[in-house]
Full PDB file with SEQRES, HELIX, SHEET, SSBOND, CRYST1, ORIGX, SCALE, CONECT and MASTER records, all heavy atoms in Angstrom:
SEQRES   1 A   40  ASN ALA ASP PRO LEU TYR LYS VAL SER ILE ILE PRO ARG          
SEQRES   2 A   40  GLY ARG THR LEU GLY GLY THR GLN GLN LEU PRO GLU HIS          
SEQRES   3 A   40  GLU ARG HIS THR LEU PRO GLU ASP TYR LEU LYS ASP ARG          
SEQRES   4 A   40  LEU                                                          
HELIX    1 AA1 GLU A   33  ARG A   39  1                                   7    
SHEET    1 AA1 2 LEU A   5  SER A   9  0                                        
SHEET    2 AA1 2 GLY A  19  GLN A  22 -1                                        
CRYST1    1.000    1.000    1.000  90.00  90.00  90.00 P 1           1          
ORIGX1      1.000000  0.000000  0.000000        0.00000                         
ORIGX2      0.000000  1.000000  0.000000        0.00000                         
ORIGX3      0.000000  0.000000  1.000000        0.00000                         
SCALE1      1.000000  0.000000  0.000000        0.00000                         
SCALE2      0.000000  1.000000  0.000000        0.00000                         
SCALE3      0.000000  0.000000  1.000000        0.00000                         
ATOM      1  N   ASN A   1     -24.342  16.798   0.471  1.00  0.00           N  
ATOM      2  CA  ASN A   1     -24.130  17.799  -0.597  1.00  0.00           C  
ATOM      3  C   ASN A   1     -23.219  17.412  -1.658  1.00  0.00           C  
ATOM      4  O   ASN A   1     -22.838  18.220  -2.544  1.00  0.00           O  
ATOM      5  CB  ASN A   1     -23.659  19.141   0.081  1.00  0.00           C  
ATOM      6  CG  ASN A   1     -24.678  19.545   1.182  1.00  0.00           C  
ATOM      7  OD1 ASN A   1     -25.792  19.894   0.858  1.00  0.00           O  
ATOM      8  ND2 ASN A   1     -24.135  19.599   2.419  1.00  0.00           N  
ATOM      9  N   ALA A   2     -22.653  16.172  -1.609  1.00  0.00           N  
ATOM     10  CA  ALA A   2     -21.636  15.739  -2.564  1.00  0.00           C  
ATOM     11  C   ALA A   2     -22.366  15.388  -3.880  1.00  0.00           C  
ATOM     12  O   ALA A   2     -23.478  14.878  -3.841  1.00  0.00           O  
ATOM     13  CB  ALA A   2     -20.836  14.559  -1.962  1.00  0.00           C  
ATOM     14  N   ASP A   3     -21.637  15.536  -4.956  1.00  0.00           N  
ATOM     15  CA  ASP A   3     -22.186  15.118  -6.272  1.00  0.00           C  
ATOM     16  C   ASP A   3     -22.308  13.526  -6.307  1.00  0.00           C  
ATOM     17  O   ASP A   3     -21.511  12.857  -5.680  1.00  0.00           O  
ATOM     18  CB  ASP A   3     -21.302  15.499  -7.378  1.00  0.00           C  
ATOM     19  CG  ASP A   3     -21.257  17.017  -7.653  1.00  0.00           C  
ATOM     20  OD1 ASP A   3     -22.334  17.686  -7.465  1.00  0.00           O  
ATOM     21  OD2 ASP A   3     -20.195  17.516  -7.932  1.00  0.00           O  
ATOM     22  N   PRO A   4     -23.392  13.011  -6.958  1.00  0.00           N  
ATOM     23  CA  PRO A   4     -23.626  11.581  -7.009  1.00  0.00           C  
ATOM     24  C   PRO A   4     -22.503  10.780  -7.632  1.00  0.00           C  
ATOM     25  O   PRO A   4     -21.837  11.348  -8.611  1.00  0.00           O  
ATOM     26  CB  PRO A   4     -24.932  11.523  -7.858  1.00  0.00           C  
ATOM     27  CG  PRO A   4     -25.516  12.839  -7.817  1.00  0.00           C  
ATOM     28  CD  PRO A   4     -24.473  13.833  -7.677  1.00  0.00           C  
ATOM     29  N   LEU A   5     -22.326   9.685  -7.216  1.00  0.00           N  
ATOM     30  CA  LEU A   5     -21.231   8.780  -7.859  1.00  0.00           C  
ATOM     31  C   LEU A   5     -21.661   8.185  -9.197  1.00  0.00           C  
ATOM     32  O   LEU A   5     -22.807   7.931  -9.463  1.00  0.00           O  
ATOM     33  CB  LEU A   5     -20.893   7.589  -6.896  1.00  0.00           C  
ATOM     34  CG  LEU A   5     -20.186   7.957  -5.646  1.00  0.00           C  
ATOM     35  CD1 LEU A   5     -20.237   6.749  -4.640  1.00  0.00           C  
ATOM     36  CD2 LEU A   5     -18.693   8.189  -5.987  1.00  0.00           C  
ATOM     37  N   TYR A   6     -20.670   8.139 -10.044  1.00  0.00           N  
ATOM     38  CA  TYR A   6     -20.888   7.516 -11.405  1.00  0.00           C  
ATOM     39  C   TYR A   6     -20.124   6.257 -11.571  1.00  0.00           C  
ATOM     40  O   TYR A   6     -20.710   5.269 -12.102  1.00  0.00           O  
ATOM     41  CB  TYR A   6     -20.497   8.622 -12.416  1.00  0.00           C  
ATOM     42  CG  TYR A   6     -20.542   8.032 -13.843  1.00  0.00           C  
ATOM     43  CD1 TYR A   6     -21.671   7.599 -14.504  1.00  0.00           C  
ATOM     44  CD2 TYR A   6     -19.261   8.009 -14.562  1.00  0.00           C  
ATOM     45  CE1 TYR A   6     -21.578   7.116 -15.819  1.00  0.00           C  
ATOM     46  CE2 TYR A   6     -19.222   7.485 -15.885  1.00  0.00           C  
ATOM     47  CZ  TYR A   6     -20.402   7.037 -16.476  1.00  0.00           C  
ATOM     48  OH  TYR A   6     -20.395   6.612 -17.747  1.00  0.00           O  
ATOM     49  N   LYS A   7     -18.919   6.259 -11.186  1.00  0.00           N  
ATOM     50  CA  LYS A   7     -18.026   5.086 -11.325  1.00  0.00           C  
ATOM     51  C   LYS A   7     -16.932   5.177 -10.437  1.00  0.00           C  
ATOM     52  O   LYS A   7     -16.397   6.199 -10.078  1.00  0.00           O  
ATOM     53  CB  LYS A   7     -17.535   5.074 -12.936  1.00  0.00           C  
ATOM     54  CG  LYS A   7     -16.706   3.873 -13.214  1.00  0.00           C  
ATOM     55  CD  LYS A   7     -16.160   3.973 -14.598  1.00  0.00           C  
ATOM     56  CE  LYS A   7     -17.279   3.951 -15.760  1.00  0.00           C  
ATOM     57  NZ  LYS A   7     -16.662   3.971 -17.071  1.00  0.00           N  
ATOM     58  N   VAL A   8     -16.314   3.878 -10.052  1.00  0.00           N  
ATOM     59  CA  VAL A   8     -15.130   3.984  -9.327  1.00  0.00           C  
ATOM     60  C   VAL A   8     -14.275   2.714  -9.924  1.00  0.00           C  
ATOM     61  O   VAL A   8     -14.755   1.712 -10.269  1.00  0.00           O  
ATOM     62  CB  VAL A   8     -15.330   3.713  -7.784  1.00  0.00           C  
ATOM     63  CG1 VAL A   8     -16.101   2.410  -7.540  1.00  0.00           C  
ATOM     64  CG2 VAL A   8     -13.986   3.690  -7.059  1.00  0.00           C  
ATOM     65  N   SER A   9     -12.933   3.103 -10.089  1.00  0.00           N  
ATOM     66  CA  SER A   9     -12.121   2.051 -10.829  1.00  0.00           C  
ATOM     67  C   SER A   9     -10.790   2.016 -10.186  1.00  0.00           C  
ATOM     68  O   SER A   9     -10.237   3.052  -9.680  1.00  0.00           O  
ATOM     69  CB  SER A   9     -12.073   2.432 -12.331  1.00  0.00           C  
ATOM     70  OG  SER A   9     -11.137   1.531 -12.984  1.00  0.00           O  
ATOM     71  N   ILE A  10     -10.090   0.746 -10.283  1.00  0.00           N  
ATOM     72  CA  ILE A  10      -8.648   0.688  -9.931  1.00  0.00           C  
ATOM     73  C   ILE A  10      -7.826   0.286 -11.145  1.00  0.00           C  
ATOM     74  O   ILE A  10      -6.713  -0.228 -10.971  1.00  0.00           O  
ATOM     75  CB  ILE A  10      -8.416  -0.225  -8.770  1.00  0.00           C  
ATOM     76  CG1 ILE A  10      -8.993  -1.647  -9.066  1.00  0.00           C  
ATOM     77  CG2 ILE A  10      -9.059   0.303  -7.511  1.00  0.00           C  
ATOM     78  CD1 ILE A  10      -8.659  -2.654  -8.089  1.00  0.00           C  
ATOM     79  N   ILE A  11      -8.369   0.532 -12.352  1.00  0.00           N  
ATOM     80  CA  ILE A  11      -7.659   0.170 -13.633  1.00  0.00           C  
ATOM     81  C   ILE A  11      -6.761   1.443 -13.956  1.00  0.00           C  
ATOM     82  O   ILE A  11      -7.308   2.550 -14.026  1.00  0.00           O  
ATOM     83  CB  ILE A  11      -8.606  -0.145 -14.783  1.00  0.00           C  
ATOM     84  CG1 ILE A  11      -9.450  -1.383 -14.399  1.00  0.00           C  
ATOM     85  CG2 ILE A  11      -7.823  -0.203 -16.057  1.00  0.00           C  
ATOM     86  CD1 ILE A  11     -10.456  -1.680 -15.476  1.00  0.00           C  
ATOM     87  N   PRO A  12      -5.543   1.245 -14.116  1.00  0.00           N  
ATOM     88  CA  PRO A  12      -4.661   2.411 -14.348  1.00  0.00           C  
ATOM     89  C   PRO A  12      -4.956   2.952 -15.733  1.00  0.00           C  
ATOM     90  O   PRO A  12      -5.149   2.245 -16.637  1.00  0.00           O  
ATOM     91  CB  PRO A  12      -3.211   1.761 -14.381  1.00  0.00           C  
ATOM     92  CG  PRO A  12      -3.342   0.512 -13.600  1.00  0.00           C  
ATOM     93  CD  PRO A  12      -4.713   0.029 -13.794  1.00  0.00           C  
ATOM     94  N   ARG A  13      -4.995   4.319 -15.815  1.00  0.00           N  
ATOM     95  CA  ARG A  13      -5.128   5.043 -16.994  1.00  0.00           C  
ATOM     96  C   ARG A  13      -4.307   6.212 -17.019  1.00  0.00           C  
ATOM     97  O   ARG A  13      -4.429   7.059 -16.183  1.00  0.00           O  
ATOM     98  CB  ARG A  13      -6.717   5.491 -17.185  1.00  0.00           C  
ATOM     99  CG  ARG A  13      -7.632   4.294 -17.261  1.00  0.00           C  
ATOM    100  CD  ARG A  13      -9.012   4.888 -17.595  1.00  0.00           C  
ATOM    101  NE  ARG A  13     -10.043   3.791 -17.505  1.00  0.00           N  
ATOM    102  CZ  ARG A  13     -10.264   2.855 -18.378  1.00  0.00           C  
ATOM    103  NH1 ARG A  13      -9.637   2.918 -19.434  1.00  0.00           N  
ATOM    104  NH2 ARG A  13     -11.186   1.895 -18.273  1.00  0.00           N  
ATOM    105  N   GLY A  14      -3.388   6.210 -18.106  1.00  0.00           N  
ATOM    106  CA  GLY A  14      -2.468   7.288 -18.160  1.00  0.00           C  
ATOM    107  C   GLY A  14      -1.572   7.338 -16.854  1.00  0.00           C  
ATOM    108  O   GLY A  14      -0.901   6.313 -16.481  1.00  0.00           O  
ATOM    109  N   ARG A  15      -1.410   8.510 -16.245  1.00  0.00           N  
ATOM    110  CA  ARG A  15      -0.637   8.600 -14.986  1.00  0.00           C  
ATOM    111  C   ARG A  15      -1.369   8.305 -13.788  1.00  0.00           C  
ATOM    112  O   ARG A  15      -0.818   8.209 -12.604  1.00  0.00           O  
ATOM    113  CB  ARG A  15      -0.065  10.055 -14.969  1.00  0.00           C  
ATOM    114  CG  ARG A  15       0.992  10.412 -16.043  1.00  0.00           C  
ATOM    115  CD  ARG A  15       1.556  11.707 -15.803  1.00  0.00           C  
ATOM    116  NE  ARG A  15       0.653  12.820 -15.776  1.00  0.00           N  
ATOM    117  CZ  ARG A  15       0.896  14.011 -15.512  1.00  0.00           C  
ATOM    118  NH1 ARG A  15       2.205  14.325 -15.138  1.00  0.00           N  
ATOM    119  NH2 ARG A  15       0.059  14.963 -15.514  1.00  0.00           N  
ATOM    120  N   THR A  16      -2.723   8.072 -13.861  1.00  0.00           N  
ATOM    121  CA  THR A  16      -3.465   7.755 -12.660  1.00  0.00           C  
ATOM    122  C   THR A  16      -3.628   6.234 -12.471  1.00  0.00           C  
ATOM    123  O   THR A  16      -3.851   5.482 -13.507  1.00  0.00           O  
ATOM    124  CB  THR A  16      -4.946   8.382 -12.758  1.00  0.00           C  
ATOM    125  OG1 THR A  16      -5.609   7.829 -13.836  1.00  0.00           O  
ATOM    126  CG2 THR A  16      -4.783   9.894 -12.927  1.00  0.00           C  
ATOM    127  N   LEU A  17      -3.516   5.804 -11.258  1.00  0.00           N  
ATOM    128  CA  LEU A  17      -3.755   4.341 -10.977  1.00  0.00           C  
ATOM    129  C   LEU A  17      -5.161   3.861 -10.824  1.00  0.00           C  
ATOM    130  O   LEU A  17      -5.458   2.782 -10.830  1.00  0.00           O  
ATOM    131  CB  LEU A  17      -2.943   4.051  -9.786  1.00  0.00           C  
ATOM    132  CG  LEU A  17      -1.436   4.176  -9.858  1.00  0.00           C  
ATOM    133  CD1 LEU A  17      -0.709   3.837  -8.503  1.00  0.00           C  
ATOM    134  CD2 LEU A  17      -0.862   3.362 -11.045  1.00  0.00           C  
ATOM    135  N   GLY A  18      -6.087   4.842 -10.551  1.00  0.00           N  
ATOM    136  CA  GLY A  18      -7.539   4.581 -10.434  1.00  0.00           C  
ATOM    137  C   GLY A  18      -8.217   5.903 -10.371  1.00  0.00           C  
ATOM    138  O   GLY A  18      -7.613   6.924 -10.535  1.00  0.00           O  
ATOM    139  N   GLY A  19      -9.479   5.826 -10.156  1.00  0.00           N  
ATOM    140  CA  GLY A  19     -10.346   6.980 -10.051  1.00  0.00           C  
ATOM    141  C   GLY A  19     -11.729   6.814  -9.534  1.00  0.00           C  
ATOM    142  O   GLY A  19     -12.267   5.711  -9.696  1.00  0.00           O  
ATOM    143  N   THR A  20     -12.240   7.836  -8.883  1.00  0.00           N  
ATOM    144  CA  THR A  20     -13.606   7.828  -8.430  1.00  0.00           C  
ATOM    145  C   THR A  20     -14.353   8.982  -9.204  1.00  0.00           C  
ATOM    146  O   THR A  20     -13.875  10.230  -8.942  1.00  0.00           O  
ATOM    147  CB  THR A  20     -13.684   8.046  -6.940  1.00  0.00           C  
ATOM    148  OG1 THR A  20     -13.036   6.869  -6.239  1.00  0.00           O  
ATOM    149  CG2 THR A  20     -15.136   8.085  -6.505  1.00  0.00           C  
ATOM    150  N   GLN A  21     -15.327   8.714 -10.011  1.00  0.00           N  
ATOM    151  CA  GLN A  21     -15.936   9.746 -10.812  1.00  0.00           C  
ATOM    152  C   GLN A  21     -17.338  10.141 -10.231  1.00  0.00           C  
ATOM    153  O   GLN A  21     -18.103   9.136  -9.842  1.00  0.00           O  
ATOM    154  CB  GLN A  21     -16.061   9.287 -12.242  1.00  0.00           C  
ATOM    155  CG  GLN A  21     -14.793   8.905 -12.890  1.00  0.00           C  
ATOM    156  CD  GLN A  21     -14.999   8.390 -14.311  1.00  0.00           C  
ATOM    157  OE1 GLN A  21     -15.922   8.656 -15.028  1.00  0.00           O  
ATOM    158  NE2 GLN A  21     -14.012   7.540 -14.751  1.00  0.00           N  
ATOM    159  N   GLN A  22     -17.611  11.335 -10.116  1.00  0.00           N  
ATOM    160  CA  GLN A  22     -18.963  11.827  -9.783  1.00  0.00           C  
ATOM    161  C   GLN A  22     -19.556  12.609 -10.787  1.00  0.00           C  
ATOM    162  O   GLN A  22     -18.760  13.207 -11.677  1.00  0.00           O  
ATOM    163  CB  GLN A  22     -18.768  12.802  -8.532  1.00  0.00           C  
ATOM    164  CG  GLN A  22     -18.231  12.051  -7.222  1.00  0.00           C  
ATOM    165  CD  GLN A  22     -17.861  12.984  -6.148  1.00  0.00           C  
ATOM    166  OE1 GLN A  22     -16.794  13.321  -5.999  1.00  0.00           O  
ATOM    167  NE2 GLN A  22     -18.865  13.501  -5.386  1.00  0.00           N  
ATOM    168  N   LEU A  23     -20.859  12.642 -10.946  1.00  0.00           N  
ATOM    169  CA  LEU A  23     -21.458  13.274 -12.027  1.00  0.00           C  
ATOM    170  C   LEU A  23     -22.614  14.242 -11.443  1.00  0.00           C  
ATOM    171  O   LEU A  23     -23.558  13.699 -10.841  1.00  0.00           O  
ATOM    172  CB  LEU A  23     -22.189  12.225 -12.910  1.00  0.00           C  
ATOM    173  CG  LEU A  23     -22.705  12.696 -14.269  1.00  0.00           C  
ATOM    174  CD1 LEU A  23     -21.531  13.110 -15.145  1.00  0.00           C  
ATOM    175  CD2 LEU A  23     -23.462  11.586 -14.992  1.00  0.00           C  
ATOM    176  N   PRO A  24     -22.365  15.493 -11.502  1.00  0.00           N  
ATOM    177  CA  PRO A  24     -23.348  16.480 -10.927  1.00  0.00           C  
ATOM    178  C   PRO A  24     -24.732  16.261 -11.523  1.00  0.00           C  
ATOM    179  O   PRO A  24     -24.840  15.973 -12.696  1.00  0.00           O  
ATOM    180  CB  PRO A  24     -22.775  17.873 -11.283  1.00  0.00           C  
ATOM    181  CG  PRO A  24     -21.321  17.595 -11.547  1.00  0.00           C  
ATOM    182  CD  PRO A  24     -21.235  16.186 -12.105  1.00  0.00           C  
ATOM    183  N   GLU A  25     -25.784  16.391 -10.722  1.00  0.00           N  
ATOM    184  CA  GLU A  25     -27.189  16.219 -11.265  1.00  0.00           C  
ATOM    185  C   GLU A  25     -27.597  17.459 -12.055  1.00  0.00           C  
ATOM    186  O   GLU A  25     -28.412  17.324 -12.914  1.00  0.00           O  
ATOM    187  CB  GLU A  25     -28.028  16.053 -10.077  1.00  0.00           C  
ATOM    188  CG  GLU A  25     -27.831  14.746  -9.369  1.00  0.00           C  
ATOM    189  CD  GLU A  25     -28.792  14.513  -8.164  1.00  0.00           C  
ATOM    190  OE1 GLU A  25     -28.990  15.511  -7.368  1.00  0.00           O  
ATOM    191  OE2 GLU A  25     -29.300  13.457  -7.983  1.00  0.00           O  
ATOM    192  N   HIS A  26     -26.991  18.601 -11.840  1.00  0.00           N  
ATOM    193  CA  HIS A  26     -27.247  19.752 -12.681  1.00  0.00           C  
ATOM    194  C   HIS A  26     -26.088  20.758 -12.701  1.00  0.00           C  
ATOM    195  O   HIS A  26     -25.208  20.656 -11.809  1.00  0.00           O  
ATOM    196  CB  HIS A  26     -28.489  20.501 -12.065  1.00  0.00           C  
ATOM    197  CG  HIS A  26     -28.279  20.808 -10.567  1.00  0.00           C  
ATOM    198  ND1 HIS A  26     -27.654  21.946 -10.158  1.00  0.00           N  
ATOM    199  CD2 HIS A  26     -28.725  20.135  -9.516  1.00  0.00           C  
ATOM    200  CE1 HIS A  26     -27.693  21.882  -8.789  1.00  0.00           C  
ATOM    201  NE2 HIS A  26     -28.373  20.899  -8.426  1.00  0.00           N  
ATOM    202  N   GLU A  27     -26.018  21.577 -13.629  1.00  0.00           N  
ATOM    203  CA  GLU A  27     -24.899  22.431 -13.816  1.00  0.00           C  
ATOM    204  C   GLU A  27     -24.888  23.585 -12.674  1.00  0.00           C  
ATOM    205  O   GLU A  27     -26.033  24.132 -12.387  1.00  0.00           O  
ATOM    206  CB  GLU A  27     -24.920  23.160 -15.190  1.00  0.00           C  
ATOM    207  CG  GLU A  27     -23.748  24.048 -15.429  1.00  0.00           C  
ATOM    208  CD  GLU A  27     -23.802  24.681 -16.815  1.00  0.00           C  
ATOM    209  OE1 GLU A  27     -24.798  24.401 -17.587  1.00  0.00           O  
ATOM    210  OE2 GLU A  27     -22.920  25.457 -17.130  1.00  0.00           O  
ATOM    211  N   ARG A  28     -23.892  23.762 -12.070  1.00  0.00           N  
ATOM    212  CA  ARG A  28     -23.837  24.760 -10.976  1.00  0.00           C  
ATOM    213  C   ARG A  28     -23.192  26.044 -11.535  1.00  0.00           C  
ATOM    214  O   ARG A  28     -22.172  26.036 -12.160  1.00  0.00           O  
ATOM    215  CB  ARG A  28     -22.913  24.269  -9.803  1.00  0.00           C  
ATOM    216  CG  ARG A  28     -23.534  23.029  -9.028  1.00  0.00           C  
ATOM    217  CD  ARG A  28     -22.666  22.570  -7.951  1.00  0.00           C  
ATOM    218  NE  ARG A  28     -23.186  21.498  -7.183  1.00  0.00           N  
ATOM    219  CZ  ARG A  28     -24.130  21.536  -6.270  1.00  0.00           C  
ATOM    220  NH1 ARG A  28     -24.543  22.761  -5.792  1.00  0.00           N  
ATOM    221  NH2 ARG A  28     -24.583  20.396  -5.639  1.00  0.00           N  
ATOM    222  N   HIS A  29     -23.729  27.140 -11.106  1.00  0.00           N  
ATOM    223  CA  HIS A  29     -23.266  28.423 -11.489  1.00  0.00           C  
ATOM    224  C   HIS A  29     -22.642  29.102 -10.284  1.00  0.00           C  
ATOM    225  O   HIS A  29     -21.885  29.959 -10.428  1.00  0.00           O  
ATOM    226  CB  HIS A  29     -24.304  29.311 -12.106  1.00  0.00           C  
ATOM    227  CG  HIS A  29     -25.071  28.706 -13.295  1.00  0.00           C  
ATOM    228  ND1 HIS A  29     -24.381  28.690 -14.521  1.00  0.00           N  
ATOM    229  CD2 HIS A  29     -26.225  28.085 -13.525  1.00  0.00           C  
ATOM    230  CE1 HIS A  29     -25.061  28.080 -15.373  1.00  0.00           C  
ATOM    231  NE2 HIS A  29     -26.249  27.705 -14.803  1.00  0.00           N  
ATOM    232  N   THR A  30     -23.017  28.661  -9.090  1.00  0.00           N  
ATOM    233  CA  THR A  30     -22.379  29.210  -7.894  1.00  0.00           C  
ATOM    234  C   THR A  30     -22.036  27.914  -7.028  1.00  0.00           C  
ATOM    235  O   THR A  30     -22.752  26.882  -7.255  1.00  0.00           O  
ATOM    236  CB  THR A  30     -23.244  30.169  -7.045  1.00  0.00           C  
ATOM    237  OG1 THR A  30     -24.475  29.478  -6.784  1.00  0.00           O  
ATOM    238  CG2 THR A  30     -23.481  31.407  -7.874  1.00  0.00           C  
ATOM    239  N   LEU A  31     -21.163  28.078  -6.121  1.00  0.00           N  
ATOM    240  CA  LEU A  31     -20.754  26.886  -5.319  1.00  0.00           C  
ATOM    241  C   LEU A  31     -20.963  27.234  -3.830  1.00  0.00           C  
ATOM    242  O   LEU A  31     -20.200  27.975  -3.210  1.00  0.00           O  
ATOM    243  CB  LEU A  31     -19.204  26.600  -5.536  1.00  0.00           C  
ATOM    244  CG  LEU A  31     -18.862  26.347  -6.957  1.00  0.00           C  
ATOM    245  CD1 LEU A  31     -17.333  26.243  -7.113  1.00  0.00           C  
ATOM    246  CD2 LEU A  31     -19.539  25.080  -7.413  1.00  0.00           C  
ATOM    247  N   PRO A  32     -22.038  26.655  -3.292  1.00  0.00           N  
ATOM    248  CA  PRO A  32     -22.330  27.033  -1.875  1.00  0.00           C  
ATOM    249  C   PRO A  32     -21.310  26.416  -0.978  1.00  0.00           C  
ATOM    250  O   PRO A  32     -20.622  25.422  -1.258  1.00  0.00           O  
ATOM    251  CB  PRO A  32     -23.769  26.236  -1.593  1.00  0.00           C  
ATOM    252  CG  PRO A  32     -24.253  26.033  -2.984  1.00  0.00           C  
ATOM    253  CD  PRO A  32     -23.106  25.820  -3.907  1.00  0.00           C  
ATOM    254  N   GLU A  33     -21.120  27.053   0.172  1.00  0.00           N  
ATOM    255  CA  GLU A  33     -20.095  26.592   1.178  1.00  0.00           C  
ATOM    256  C   GLU A  33     -20.309  25.184   1.633  1.00  0.00           C  
ATOM    257  O   GLU A  33     -19.329  24.442   1.782  1.00  0.00           O  
ATOM    258  CB  GLU A  33     -20.102  27.519   2.445  1.00  0.00           C  
ATOM    259  CG  GLU A  33     -19.018  27.309   3.466  1.00  0.00           C  
ATOM    260  CD  GLU A  33     -19.061  28.354   4.517  1.00  0.00           C  
ATOM    261  OE1 GLU A  33     -20.034  29.185   4.582  1.00  0.00           O  
ATOM    262  OE2 GLU A  33     -18.136  28.416   5.427  1.00  0.00           O  
ATOM    263  N   ASP A  34     -21.505  24.773   1.978  1.00  0.00           N  
ATOM    264  CA  ASP A  34     -21.672  23.378   2.363  1.00  0.00           C  
ATOM    265  C   ASP A  34     -21.307  22.357   1.315  1.00  0.00           C  
ATOM    266  O   ASP A  34     -20.806  21.230   1.628  1.00  0.00           O  
ATOM    267  CB  ASP A  34     -23.095  23.098   2.908  1.00  0.00           C  
ATOM    268  CG  ASP A  34     -24.224  23.507   1.921  1.00  0.00           C  
ATOM    269  OD1 ASP A  34     -23.846  23.959   0.756  1.00  0.00           O  
ATOM    270  OD2 ASP A  34     -25.419  23.401   2.217  1.00  0.00           O  
ATOM    271  N   TYR A  35     -21.559  22.713   0.063  1.00  0.00           N  
ATOM    272  CA  TYR A  35     -21.164  21.870  -1.100  1.00  0.00           C  
ATOM    273  C   TYR A  35     -19.691  21.776  -1.105  1.00  0.00           C  
ATOM    274  O   TYR A  35     -19.073  20.732  -1.307  1.00  0.00           O  
ATOM    275  CB  TYR A  35     -21.737  22.444  -2.324  1.00  0.00           C  
ATOM    276  CG  TYR A  35     -21.132  21.764  -3.629  1.00  0.00           C  
ATOM    277  CD1 TYR A  35     -21.518  20.486  -4.077  1.00  0.00           C  
ATOM    278  CD2 TYR A  35     -20.189  22.428  -4.380  1.00  0.00           C  
ATOM    279  CE1 TYR A  35     -20.993  19.905  -5.197  1.00  0.00           C  
ATOM    280  CE2 TYR A  35     -19.633  21.842  -5.526  1.00  0.00           C  
ATOM    281  CZ  TYR A  35     -20.028  20.595  -5.914  1.00  0.00           C  
ATOM    282  OH  TYR A  35     -19.523  20.004  -7.103  1.00  0.00           O  
ATOM    283  N   LEU A  36     -18.974  22.905  -0.994  1.00  0.00           N  
ATOM    284  CA  LEU A  36     -17.534  22.892  -1.035  1.00  0.00           C  
ATOM    285  C   LEU A  36     -16.859  22.170   0.068  1.00  0.00           C  
ATOM    286  O   LEU A  36     -15.856  21.441  -0.159  1.00  0.00           O  
ATOM    287  CB  LEU A  36     -17.035  24.352  -1.074  1.00  0.00           C  
ATOM    288  CG  LEU A  36     -17.352  25.211  -2.362  1.00  0.00           C  
ATOM    289  CD1 LEU A  36     -17.042  26.561  -2.149  1.00  0.00           C  
ATOM    290  CD2 LEU A  36     -16.568  24.635  -3.544  1.00  0.00           C  
ATOM    291  N   LYS A  37     -17.503  22.195   1.298  1.00  0.00           N  
ATOM    292  CA  LYS A  37     -16.945  21.495   2.330  1.00  0.00           C  
ATOM    293  C   LYS A  37     -17.095  19.985   2.246  1.00  0.00           C  
ATOM    294  O   LYS A  37     -16.126  19.177   2.640  1.00  0.00           O  
ATOM    295  CB  LYS A  37     -17.551  21.995   3.685  1.00  0.00           C  
ATOM    296  CG  LYS A  37     -17.126  23.365   4.212  1.00  0.00           C  
ATOM    297  CD  LYS A  37     -17.675  23.692   5.548  1.00  0.00           C  
ATOM    298  CE  LYS A  37     -17.070  24.979   6.085  1.00  0.00           C  
ATOM    299  NZ  LYS A  37     -17.502  25.387   7.354  1.00  0.00           N  
ATOM    300  N   ASP A  38     -18.176  19.577   1.649  1.00  0.00           N  
ATOM    301  CA  ASP A  38     -18.361  18.127   1.374  1.00  0.00           C  
ATOM    302  C   ASP A  38     -17.366  17.776   0.359  1.00  0.00           C  
ATOM    303  O   ASP A  38     -16.797  16.627   0.354  1.00  0.00           O  
ATOM    304  CB  ASP A  38     -19.812  17.901   0.927  1.00  0.00           C  
ATOM    305  CG  ASP A  38     -20.771  17.726   2.114  1.00  0.00           C  
ATOM    306  OD1 ASP A  38     -20.308  18.018   3.279  1.00  0.00           O  
ATOM    307  OD2 ASP A  38     -21.936  17.434   1.951  1.00  0.00           O  
ATOM    308  N   ARG A  39     -17.150  18.604  -0.637  1.00  0.00           N  
ATOM    309  CA  ARG A  39     -16.217  18.234  -1.703  1.00  0.00           C  
ATOM    310  C   ARG A  39     -14.834  18.110  -1.157  1.00  0.00           C  
ATOM    311  O   ARG A  39     -14.020  17.193  -1.637  1.00  0.00           O  
ATOM    312  CB  ARG A  39     -16.195  19.379  -2.758  1.00  0.00           C  
ATOM    313  CG  ARG A  39     -15.466  19.108  -4.072  1.00  0.00           C  
ATOM    314  CD  ARG A  39     -15.895  20.140  -5.072  1.00  0.00           C  
ATOM    315  NE  ARG A  39     -15.076  20.121  -6.313  1.00  0.00           N  
ATOM    316  CZ  ARG A  39     -15.179  20.887  -7.335  1.00  0.00           C  
ATOM    317  NH1 ARG A  39     -16.035  21.854  -7.250  1.00  0.00           N  
ATOM    318  NH2 ARG A  39     -14.373  20.813  -8.342  1.00  0.00           N  
ATOM    319  N   LEU A  40     -14.374  18.941  -0.230  1.00  0.00           N  
ATOM    320  CA  LEU A  40     -13.092  18.790   0.374  1.00  0.00           C  
ATOM    321  C   LEU A  40     -13.003  17.377   1.147  1.00  0.00           C  
ATOM    322  O   LEU A  40     -11.992  16.777   0.996  1.00  0.00           O  
ATOM    323  CB  LEU A  40     -12.856  19.811   1.401  1.00  0.00           C  
ATOM    324  CG  LEU A  40     -12.551  21.337   0.875  1.00  0.00           C  
ATOM    325  CD1 LEU A  40     -12.332  22.278   2.079  1.00  0.00           C  
ATOM    326  CD2 LEU A  40     -11.221  21.233   0.054  1.00  0.00           C  
TER     327      LEU A  40                                                      
MASTER        0    0    0    1    2    0    0    6  326    1    0    4          
END                                                                             
């Protein structure tokens, strides 16, 4: 139920040392419990 991955990086940007970016496949208007648990 996790959003698809877009990019992962260990190049520092601003105050962050790296980042893992996800890109939702569609806009969500409600957040189901199983999606939120996967997000956690």
